[in-house]
Amino acid sequence: MPTFTALTTLSGRDAAYKLGEAMEALTPEPTGVGVFEMEDGSGLWEVGGYFEERPDETALAVLATAMDAKTFVVSELPETDWVAHVRRELAPVEAGRFFVYGSHDSDKVPDNCEPLLIEAAMAFGTGHHGTTLGCLRALDMLANDGFVGRRVVDIGCGTAVLAMGAARIWDDPVLASDIDEVAVDVARANVTANGLEGRVNCVEAAGFDHPSLAAAAPFDLVFANILKGPLIALAPDMAAAMSEGAYAILSGVLNEQADEVISVYAKFGINLHHRESIGDWTTIVLRKIN
């Protein structure tokens, strides 16, 4: 059975979500609708739907006009086993002591590494993206320098690969949070698959707004691999949640955005310790020293 996609872009988070909601009422109805902030620094949002039948392009045009969005681009996708395709394309990733792999590559896990099992079907946070890879390298660097995380939290955890990395090398439990319920379910499944139950606690939360996070603060290490806008908005809350001398590992930041993020955090006494660019993305390690 063919699959069709309908994609557009527009400005503004509220308008994007309103358009996404309106798409769900279309006939034929989409099997899924996604709303995403584009990661190119443009400020645009992408709204897309998947359909098992060709969507009503007239209805889509009316929605686009009403929401001041670009004209929808409708495409027919070939029938593809995407999980099998991803498995072929995503080779294991080494990031310092960490080895991120799918179960199909379990025979390739080397000795003397910290293995992190992330299935290919759960692609966000597999370690292949420069942001996740940079964060794992930064974690490895801090550990090599003698830092030991006692109170660690992963904000916007996705697959929880960063939280699990910390739990692999340090003894104390790690917190992981995400604003998306599905991401939290995925994170919990990954924690179980890696045998880290009781070591990583996953909760649904916006930023630091959760009783478990409030009770565990102040933190001595915070991961936040999200995007520039949310990172900047999170700065005051992060400063309040960090102990003196604590580290923050931030990513989801385009290379040209890094200086702005560093400048904002410096206003809260969280200053640059290290930075690394991988492809288009920069990972920033900051330290809170007032």
Protein backbone atom coordinates (compact mmCIF):
# COMPACT_ATOMS: atom_id res chain seq x y z
CA MET A 1 0.00 0.00 0.00
CA PRO A 2 1.46 3.39 -0.95
CA THR A 3 2.06 6.06 1.65
CA PHE A 4 1.65 9.77 0.97
CA THR A 5 3.17 12.71 2.79
CA ALA A 6 2.02 16.33 2.84
CA LEU A 7 4.56 18.85 4.15
CA THR A 8 4.60 22.61 4.63
CA THR A 9 6.40 25.27 6.67
CA LEU A 10 5.22 28.40 8.47
CA SER A 11 6.27 30.84 11.15
CA GLY A 12 5.20 30.56 14.77
CA ARG A 13 4.79 27.66 17.17
CA ASP A 14 1.13 28.33 17.96
CA ALA A 15 0.16 28.60 14.29
CA ALA A 16 2.06 25.39 13.51
CA TYR A 17 0.28 23.40 16.20
CA LYS A 18 -3.07 24.87 15.16
CA LEU A 19 -2.42 23.76 11.59
CA GLY A 20 -1.42 20.30 12.79
CA GLU A 21 -4.68 19.97 14.71
CA ALA A 22 -6.66 21.11 11.67
CA MET A 23 -4.96 18.47 9.49
CA GLU A 24 -6.25 15.73 11.80
CA ALA A 25 -9.81 16.59 10.72
CA LEU A 26 -9.11 16.08 7.01
CA THR A 27 -10.81 13.43 4.87
CA PRO A 28 -9.11 11.09 4.16
CA GLU A 29 -7.65 11.47 7.61
CA PRO A 30 -3.89 11.21 8.13
CA THR A 31 -2.44 8.25 9.99
CA GLY A 32 -0.15 10.68 11.78
CA VAL A 33 0.67 14.40 11.99
CA GLY A 34 3.96 15.91 13.13
CA VAL A 35 4.91 19.46 14.12
CA PHE A 36 8.60 20.28 14.40
CA GLU A 37 10.73 23.37 14.82
CA MET A 38 13.29 23.40 12.02
CA GLU A 39 16.89 23.14 13.19
CA ASP A 40 18.40 25.56 10.66
CA GLY A 41 17.97 28.71 12.73
CA SER A 42 15.27 30.06 10.40
CA GLY A 43 12.55 30.18 13.05
CA LEU A 44 10.22 28.21 10.78
CA TRP A 45 8.14 25.22 11.80
CA GLU A 46 7.46 22.16 9.64
CA VAL A 47 4.03 20.53 9.69
CA GLY A 48 3.54 17.21 7.99
CA GLY A 49 1.04 14.40 7.70
CA TYR A 50 1.18 10.77 6.57
CA PHE A 51 -1.73 9.33 4.60
CA GLU A 52 -2.63 5.86 3.34
CA GLU A 53 -4.68 7.50 0.57
CA ARG A 54 -3.77 10.52 -1.51
CA PRO A 55 -4.75 13.55 0.60
CA ASP A 56 -7.26 16.15 -0.56
CA GLU A 57 -4.92 18.76 -2.04
CA THR A 58 -7.70 21.34 -2.30
CA ALA A 59 -8.41 21.05 1.42
CA LEU A 60 -4.67 21.29 2.12
CA ALA A 61 -4.44 24.45 0.01
CA VAL A 62 -7.30 26.02 1.97
CA LEU A 63 -5.56 25.19 5.27
CA ALA A 64 -2.25 26.59 4.03
CA THR A 65 -3.88 29.84 2.96
CA ALA A 66 -5.81 30.18 6.22
CA MET A 67 -2.66 29.66 8.31
CA ASP A 68 -0.33 31.71 6.07
CA ALA A 69 1.75 28.61 5.39
CA LYS A 70 3.66 27.60 2.29
CA THR A 71 1.82 25.45 -0.25
CA PHE A 72 1.76 21.81 0.87
CA VAL A 73 4.11 19.51 -1.03
CA VAL A 74 2.43 16.12 -1.51
CA SER A 75 4.63 13.10 -2.27
CA GLU A 76 4.08 9.39 -2.68
CA LEU A 77 6.62 7.30 -0.81
CA PRO A 78 7.89 3.95 -2.07
CA GLU A 79 7.11 0.88 0.01
CA THR A 80 10.20 0.44 2.20
CA ASP A 81 11.03 -1.52 5.32
CA TRP A 82 12.40 1.52 7.09
CA VAL A 83 13.62 -0.31 10.18
CA ALA A 84 15.62 -2.74 8.04
CA HIS A 85 16.92 0.22 6.01
CA VAL A 86 18.01 2.10 9.13
CA ARG A 87 19.69 -1.00 10.51
CA ARG A 88 21.76 -1.29 7.34
CA GLU A 89 22.70 2.38 7.39
CA LEU A 90 23.41 2.92 11.10
CA ALA A 91 26.67 1.27 12.04
CA PRO A 92 27.73 1.17 15.70
CA VAL A 93 29.14 4.42 17.07
CA GLU A 94 32.15 4.80 19.35
CA ALA A 95 32.33 7.91 21.54
CA GLY A 96 35.26 7.61 23.89
CA ARG A 97 34.51 4.68 26.19
CA PHE A 98 30.91 4.42 24.96
CA PHE A 99 29.76 2.03 22.23
CA VAL A 100 26.25 2.71 20.90
CA TYR A 101 24.72 -0.13 18.91
CA GLY A 102 21.52 -1.86 17.82
CA SER A 103 20.70 -5.45 18.74
CA HIS A 104 21.51 -6.49 15.16
CA ASP A 105 25.14 -5.50 15.92
CA SER A 106 25.37 -7.15 19.35
CA ASP A 107 28.16 -9.41 18.08
CA LYS A 108 30.32 -6.31 17.41
CA VAL A 109 30.42 -4.97 20.96
CA PRO A 110 34.12 -4.81 21.91
CA ASP A 111 35.61 -5.66 25.27
CA ASN A 112 36.49 -2.84 27.69
CA CYS A 113 33.74 -0.45 26.57
CA GLU A 114 30.53 0.90 28.05
CA PRO A 115 27.80 -0.54 25.79
CA LEU A 116 24.59 1.37 25.14
CA LEU A 117 21.85 -0.52 23.27
CA ILE A 118 19.56 1.75 21.22
CA GLU A 119 17.32 0.12 18.63
CA ALA A 120 17.31 1.51 15.09
CA ALA A 121 13.54 2.05 15.18
CA MET A 122 14.12 4.60 17.97
CA ALA A 123 16.32 6.79 15.81
CA PHE A 124 16.41 10.07 17.74
CA GLY A 125 19.42 9.79 20.01
CA THR A 126 21.15 6.78 18.50
CA GLY A 127 24.55 8.47 18.75
CA HIS A 128 24.89 9.02 14.99
CA HIS A 129 23.79 12.65 15.11
CA GLY A 130 26.60 15.11 15.88
CA THR A 131 24.72 16.43 18.90
CA THR A 132 24.40 13.09 20.69
CA LEU A 133 27.91 12.05 19.71
CA GLY A 134 29.29 15.35 21.01
CA CYS A 135 27.49 14.96 24.36
CA LEU A 136 28.84 11.42 24.84
CA ARG A 137 32.34 12.64 24.04
CA ALA A 138 31.94 15.47 26.52
CA LEU A 139 30.78 13.03 29.20
CA ASP A 140 33.79 10.82 28.49
CA MET A 141 36.09 13.86 28.73
CA LEU A 142 34.75 14.93 32.13
CA ALA A 143 35.07 11.39 33.47
CA ASN A 144 38.63 11.15 32.16
CA ASP A 145 39.41 14.39 33.98
CA GLY A 146 38.32 12.81 37.27
CA PHE A 147 34.81 14.26 37.58
CA VAL A 148 32.25 11.97 39.24
CA GLY A 149 28.56 12.79 38.83
CA ARG A 150 26.56 12.30 42.02
CA ARG A 151 23.39 14.15 40.98
CA VAL A 152 22.88 13.94 37.23
CA VAL A 153 19.84 14.85 35.12
CA ASP A 154 19.17 14.57 31.38
CA ILE A 155 16.66 17.24 30.29
CA GLY A 156 14.88 16.47 27.00
CA CYS A 157 16.28 12.96 27.17
CA GLY A 158 14.86 11.43 23.96
CA THR A 159 16.12 7.84 24.01
CA ALA A 160 17.85 8.48 27.39
CA VAL A 161 21.20 7.51 25.86
CA LEU A 162 23.02 10.29 27.77
CA ALA A 163 21.41 9.42 31.09
CA MET A 164 22.29 5.77 30.53
CA GLY A 165 25.86 6.71 29.68
CA ALA A 166 26.20 8.48 33.03
CA ALA A 167 24.58 5.53 34.83
CA ARG A 168 27.07 3.16 33.19
CA ILE A 169 30.10 4.91 34.69
CA TRP A 170 28.87 6.29 38.04
CA ASP A 171 27.10 4.67 40.96
CA ASP A 172 24.35 7.16 41.82
CA PRO A 173 20.90 7.06 40.15
CA VAL A 174 20.33 9.40 37.20
CA LEU A 175 17.16 11.31 36.33
CA ALA A 176 15.91 11.68 32.75
CA SER A 177 13.00 13.85 31.66
CA ASP A 178 11.24 14.70 28.43
CA ILE A 179 8.21 16.83 27.62
CA ASP A 180 6.95 14.18 25.18
CA GLU A 181 5.08 11.18 26.62
CA VAL A 182 6.17 8.89 23.77
CA ALA A 183 9.83 9.82 24.30
CA VAL A 184 9.50 8.94 27.99
CA ASP A 185 8.05 5.54 27.06
CA VAL A 186 10.92 4.97 24.63
CA ALA A 187 13.44 6.05 27.28
CA ARG A 188 11.99 3.61 29.82
CA ALA A 189 12.10 0.78 27.27
CA ASN A 190 15.76 1.55 26.56
CA VAL A 191 16.57 1.63 30.28
CA THR A 192 15.05 -1.84 30.64
CA ALA A 193 16.83 -3.16 27.54
CA ASN A 194 20.14 -1.99 29.00
CA GLY A 195 19.52 -3.52 32.42
CA LEU A 196 19.52 -0.11 34.12
CA GLU A 197 16.20 -0.28 35.97
CA GLY A 198 16.55 1.56 39.25
CA ARG A 199 19.62 3.37 37.93
CA VAL A 200 17.82 5.71 35.51
CA ASN A 201 14.42 7.18 36.44
CA CYS A 202 12.47 8.62 33.48
CA VAL A 203 9.73 11.20 34.05
CA GLU A 204 7.52 13.38 31.84
CA ALA A 205 8.32 17.03 32.53
CA ALA A 206 8.78 20.41 30.89
CA GLY A 207 12.32 21.43 31.77
CA PHE A 208 12.93 21.08 35.52
CA ASP A 209 9.22 21.25 36.41
CA HIS A 210 8.71 17.93 38.20
CA PRO A 211 8.67 16.95 41.90
CA SER A 212 11.37 14.30 41.37
CA LEU A 213 13.71 16.85 39.81
CA ALA A 214 13.00 19.43 42.50
CA ALA A 215 13.74 16.88 45.22
CA ALA A 216 17.03 15.80 43.61
CA ALA A 217 18.40 19.30 42.94
CA PRO A 218 20.91 20.84 43.01
CA PHE A 219 22.59 18.84 40.27
CA ASP A 220 26.30 18.57 39.60
CA LEU A 221 25.81 17.59 35.94
CA VAL A 222 22.99 18.55 33.58
CA PHE A 223 22.57 17.28 30.02
CA ALA A 224 20.32 19.28 27.69
CA ASN A 225 20.51 18.16 24.07
CA ILE A 226 17.57 20.14 22.71
CA LEU A 227 17.57 23.29 20.51
CA LYS A 228 18.86 26.85 20.82
CA GLY A 229 15.54 28.47 21.71
CA PRO A 230 14.60 26.07 24.50
CA LEU A 231 18.17 26.10 25.80
CA ILE A 232 18.13 29.88 26.13
CA ALA A 233 14.70 29.82 27.79
CA LEU A 234 15.96 27.16 30.21
CA ALA A 235 19.03 29.13 31.36
CA PRO A 236 17.61 30.71 34.54
CA ASP A 237 15.99 27.48 35.70
CA MET A 238 19.17 25.55 34.97
CA ALA A 239 21.27 28.02 36.92
CA ALA A 240 18.93 27.62 39.90
CA ALA A 241 19.09 23.82 39.65
CA MET A 242 22.91 23.56 39.46
CA SER A 243 25.27 23.40 42.42
CA GLU A 244 28.43 25.51 42.65
CA GLY A 245 31.09 23.95 40.42
CA ALA A 246 28.52 21.90 38.48
CA TYR A 247 28.81 21.17 34.77
CA ALA A 248 26.24 21.45 31.98
CA ILE A 249 26.60 19.64 28.66
CA LEU A 250 24.44 21.40 26.05
CA SER A 251 23.82 20.58 22.41
CA GLY A 252 21.23 20.80 19.66
CA VAL A 253 23.04 24.03 18.77
CA LEU A 254 24.14 24.93 15.25
CA ASN A 255 27.74 26.13 15.02
CA GLU A 256 26.70 29.71 14.30
CA GLN A 257 24.34 29.69 17.33
CA ALA A 258 26.89 28.52 19.90
CA ASP A 259 28.29 31.94 20.85
CA GLU A 260 24.82 33.29 21.61
CA VAL A 261 24.00 30.34 23.88
CA ILE A 262 27.35 30.68 25.67
CA SER A 263 26.74 34.41 26.17
CA VAL A 264 23.29 33.88 27.67
CA TYR A 265 24.49 31.26 30.16
CA ALA A 266 27.45 33.43 31.17
CA LYS A 267 24.95 35.99 32.50
CA PHE A 268 23.89 33.37 35.05
CA GLY A 269 27.43 32.49 36.12
CA ILE A 270 27.61 29.36 33.94
CA ASN A 271 30.73 29.79 31.83
CA LEU A 272 32.43 28.02 28.95
CA HIS A 273 34.63 25.07 29.88
CA HIS A 274 34.94 23.27 26.52
CA ARG A 275 33.31 23.19 23.09
CA GLU A 276 33.43 20.81 20.14
CA SER A 277 31.92 21.07 16.66
CA ILE A 278 30.89 17.93 14.77
CA GLY A 279 29.57 18.70 11.32
CA ASP A 280 27.03 21.54 11.61
CA TRP A 281 26.55 21.12 15.36
CA THR A 282 28.38 22.35 18.46
CA THR A 283 28.40 20.70 21.87
CA ILE A 284 29.07 23.12 24.73
CA VAL A 285 30.41 22.18 28.16
CA LEU A 286 29.78 24.89 30.76
CA ARG A 287 30.65 25.17 34.44
CA LYS A 288 28.86 27.15 37.13
CA ILE A 289 31.40 29.26 38.99
CA ASN A 290 30.14 32.48 40.56
